[in-house]
Amino acid sequence: MMDRCICCKEERIISMNKWCQECLDKLDNHIEKQGDGE
């Protein structure tokens, strides 16, 4: 469904937690990078 993403504040098709796919992808990438023991 269309709603305002709580991350980027854009009207997008969002998931259950109100994040659009673009922001979810960024979050996933960020978590993966943190897992490298930095």
PDB file of N, CA and C in Angstrom:
ATOM      1  N   MET A   1       0.836  -1.198   0.000  1.00  0.00           N
ATOM      2  CA  MET A   1       0.000   0.000   0.000  1.00  0.00           C
ATOM      3  C   MET A   1       0.875   1.254   0.000  1.00  0.00           C
ATOM      4  N   MET A   2       0.301   2.346  -0.467  1.00  0.00           N
ATOM      5  CA  MET A   2       1.043   3.604  -0.507  1.00  0.00           C
ATOM      6  C   MET A   2       0.898   4.341   0.824  1.00  0.00           C
ATOM      7  N   ASP A   3       2.000   4.839   1.332  1.00  0.00           N
ATOM      8  CA  ASP A   3       1.991   5.642   2.549  1.00  0.00           C
ATOM      9  C   ASP A   3       3.315   6.395   2.634  1.00  0.00           C
ATOM     10  N   ARG A   4       3.451   7.246   3.615  1.00  0.00           N
ATOM     11  CA  ARG A   4       4.682   8.017   3.764  1.00  0.00           C
ATOM     12  C   ARG A   4       5.700   7.194   4.545  1.00  0.00           C
ATOM     13  N   CYS A   5       6.843   6.987   3.933  1.00  0.00           N
ATOM     14  CA  CYS A   5       7.915   6.240   4.594  1.00  0.00           C
ATOM     15  C   CYS A   5       8.442   7.048   5.779  1.00  0.00           C
ATOM     16  N   ILE A   6       8.605   6.405   6.927  1.00  0.00           N
ATOM     17  CA  ILE A   6       9.094   7.108   8.119  1.00  0.00           C
ATOM     18  C   ILE A   6      10.587   7.407   8.028  1.00  0.00           C
ATOM     19  N   CYS A   7      11.275   6.771   7.079  1.00  0.00           N
ATOM     20  CA  CYS A   7      12.709   7.015   6.916  1.00  0.00           C
ATOM     21  C   CYS A   7      12.964   8.198   5.989  1.00  0.00           C
ATOM     22  N   CYS A   8      12.509   8.098   4.741  1.00  0.00           N
ATOM     23  CA  CYS A   8      12.812   9.149   3.755  1.00  0.00           C
ATOM     24  C   CYS A   8      11.681  10.156   3.594  1.00  0.00           C
ATOM     25  N   LYS A   9      10.536   9.923   4.238  1.00  0.00           N
ATOM     26  CA  LYS A   9       9.387  10.837   4.219  1.00  0.00           C
ATOM     27  C   LYS A   9       8.751  10.983   2.836  1.00  0.00           C
ATOM     28  N   GLU A  10       9.010  10.029   1.941  1.00  0.00           N
ATOM     29  CA  GLU A  10       8.425  10.060   0.602  1.00  0.00           C
ATOM     30  C   GLU A  10       7.193   9.170   0.554  1.00  0.00           C
ATOM     31  N   GLU A  11       6.251   9.513  -0.337  1.00  0.00           N
ATOM     32  CA  GLU A  11       5.093   8.655  -0.565  1.00  0.00           C
ATOM     33  C   GLU A  11       5.537   7.464  -1.402  1.00  0.00           C
ATOM     34  N   ARG A  12       5.549   6.298  -0.800  1.00  0.00           N
ATOM     35  CA  ARG A  12       6.041   5.095  -1.469  1.00  0.00           C
ATOM     36  C   ARG A  12       5.160   3.917  -1.092  1.00  0.00           C
ATOM     37  N   ILE A  13       5.369   2.806  -1.787  1.00  0.00           N
ATOM     38  CA  ILE A  13       4.799   1.536  -1.337  1.00  0.00           C
ATOM     39  C   ILE A  13       5.681   1.066  -0.181  1.00  0.00           C
ATOM     40  N   ILE A  14       5.088   0.931   0.986  1.00  0.00           N
ATOM     41  CA  ILE A  14       5.876   0.643   2.182  1.00  0.00           C
ATOM     42  C   ILE A  14       5.548  -0.723   2.757  1.00  0.00           C
ATOM     43  N   SER A  15       6.447  -1.218   3.608  1.00  0.00           N
ATOM     44  CA  SER A  15       6.247  -2.492   4.281  1.00  0.00           C
ATOM     45  C   SER A  15       5.534  -2.276   5.618  1.00  0.00           C
ATOM     46  N   MET A  16       5.403  -3.333   6.393  1.00  0.00           N
ATOM     47  CA  MET A  16       4.634  -3.298   7.636  1.00  0.00           C
ATOM     48  C   MET A  16       5.165  -2.258   8.626  1.00  0.00           C
ATOM     49  N   ASN A  17       6.473  -2.063   8.647  1.00  0.00           N
ATOM     50  CA  ASN A  17       7.061  -1.120   9.603  1.00  0.00           C
ATOM     51  C   ASN A  17       7.171   0.295   9.051  1.00  0.00           C
ATOM     52  N   LYS A  18       6.465   0.551   7.929  1.00  0.00           N
ATOM     53  CA  LYS A  18       6.395   1.888   7.314  1.00  0.00           C
ATOM     54  C   LYS A  18       7.715   2.343   6.705  1.00  0.00           C
ATOM     55  N   TRP A  19       8.555   1.406   6.297  1.00  0.00           N
ATOM     56  CA  TRP A  19       9.772   1.723   5.565  1.00  0.00           C
ATOM     57  C   TRP A  19       9.592   1.287   4.124  1.00  0.00           C
ATOM     58  N   CYS A  20      10.001   2.156   3.170  1.00  0.00           N
ATOM     59  CA  CYS A  20       9.964   1.759   1.761  1.00  0.00           C
ATOM     60  C   CYS A  20      11.140   0.820   1.465  1.00  0.00           C
ATOM     61  N   GLN A  21      11.067   0.132   0.333  1.00  0.00           N
ATOM     62  CA  GLN A  21      12.076  -0.872   0.000  1.00  0.00           C
ATOM     63  C   GLN A  21      13.470  -0.257  -0.115  1.00  0.00           C
ATOM     64  N   GLU A  22      13.523   0.968  -0.628  1.00  0.00           N
ATOM     65  CA  GLU A  22      14.823   1.632  -0.793  1.00  0.00           C
ATOM     66  C   GLU A  22      15.521   1.822   0.555  1.00  0.00           C
ATOM     67  N   CYS A  23      14.759   2.273   1.553  1.00  0.00           N
ATOM     68  CA  CYS A  23      15.333   2.477   2.886  1.00  0.00           C
ATOM     69  C   CYS A  23      15.667   1.146   3.555  1.00  0.00           C
ATOM     70  N   LEU A  24      14.824   0.134   3.347  1.00  0.00           N
ATOM     71  CA  LEU A  24      15.110  -1.184   3.898  1.00  0.00           C
ATOM     72  C   LEU A  24      16.411  -1.734   3.332  1.00  0.00           C
ATOM     73  N   ASP A  25      16.628  -1.533   2.029  1.00  0.00           N
ATOM     74  CA  ASP A  25      17.868  -1.988   1.397  1.00  0.00           C
ATOM     75  C   ASP A  25      19.077  -1.275   1.995  1.00  0.00           C
ATOM     76  N   LYS A  26      18.964   0.031   2.201  1.00  0.00           N
ATOM     77  CA  LYS A  26      20.053   0.796   2.805  1.00  0.00           C
ATOM     78  C   LYS A  26      20.344   0.290   4.218  1.00  0.00           C
ATOM     79  N   LEU A  27      19.291   0.009   4.974  1.00  0.00           N
ATOM     80  CA  LEU A  27      19.449  -0.487   6.335  1.00  0.00           C
ATOM     81  C   LEU A  27      20.150  -1.845   6.328  1.00  0.00           C
ATOM     82  N   ASP A  28      19.724  -2.743   5.433  1.00  0.00           N
ATOM     83  CA  ASP A  28      20.351  -4.062   5.322  1.00  0.00           C
ATOM     84  C   ASP A  28      21.837  -3.935   5.003  1.00  0.00           C
ATOM     85  N   ASN A  29      22.171  -3.057   4.071  1.00  0.00           N
ATOM     86  CA  ASN A  29      23.566  -2.857   3.687  1.00  0.00           C
ATOM     87  C   ASN A  29      24.377  -2.297   4.848  1.00  0.00           C
ATOM     88  N   HIS A  30      23.771  -1.403   5.609  1.00  0.00           N
ATOM     89  CA  HIS A  30      24.445  -0.789   6.749  1.00  0.00           C
ATOM     90  C   HIS A  30      24.737  -1.832   7.826  1.00  0.00           C
ATOM     91  N   ILE A  31      23.772  -2.699   8.097  1.00  0.00           N
ATOM     92  CA  ILE A  31      23.933  -3.753   9.102  1.00  0.00           C
ATOM     93  C   ILE A  31      25.032  -4.728   8.673  1.00  0.00           C
ATOM     94  N   GLU A  32      25.046  -5.095   7.385  1.00  0.00           N
ATOM     95  CA  GLU A  32      26.063  -6.011   6.877  1.00  0.00           C
ATOM     96  C   GLU A  32      27.464  -5.424   7.035  1.00  0.00           C
ATOM     97  N   LYS A  33      27.613  -4.129   6.731  1.00  0.00           N
ATOM     98  CA  LYS A  33      28.913  -3.483   6.841  1.00  0.00           C
ATOM     99  C   LYS A  33      29.377  -3.420   8.299  1.00  0.00           C
ATOM    100  N   GLN A  34      28.459  -3.191   9.225  1.00  0.00           N
ATOM    101  CA  GLN A  34      28.813  -3.125  10.644  1.00  0.00           C
ATOM    102  C   GLN A  34      29.311  -4.482  11.149  1.00  0.00           C
ATOM    103  N   GLY A  35      28.865  -5.571  10.527  1.00  0.00           N
ATOM    104  CA  GLY A  35      29.215  -6.912  10.981  1.00  0.00           C
ATOM    105  C   GLY A  35      30.643  -7.324  10.666  1.00  0.00           C
ATOM    106  N   ASP A  36      31.426  -6.438  10.057  1.00  0.00           N
ATOM    107  CA  ASP A  36      32.793  -6.776   9.680  1.00  0.00           C
ATOM    108  C   ASP A  36      33.803  -6.524  10.802  1.00  0.00           C
ATOM    109  N   GLY A  37      33.318  -6.231  11.993  1.00  0.00           N
ATOM    110  CA  GLY A  37      34.194  -6.024  13.136  1.00  0.00           C
ATOM    111  C   GLY A  37      34.903  -4.687  13.116  1.00  0.00           C
ATOM    112  N   GLU A  38      34.236  -3.670  12.620  1.00  0.00           N
ATOM    113  CA  GLU A  38      34.831  -2.328  12.600  1.00  0.00           C
ATOM    114  C   GLU A  38      34.809  -1.705  13.984  1.00  0.00           C
TER     115      GLU A  38
END
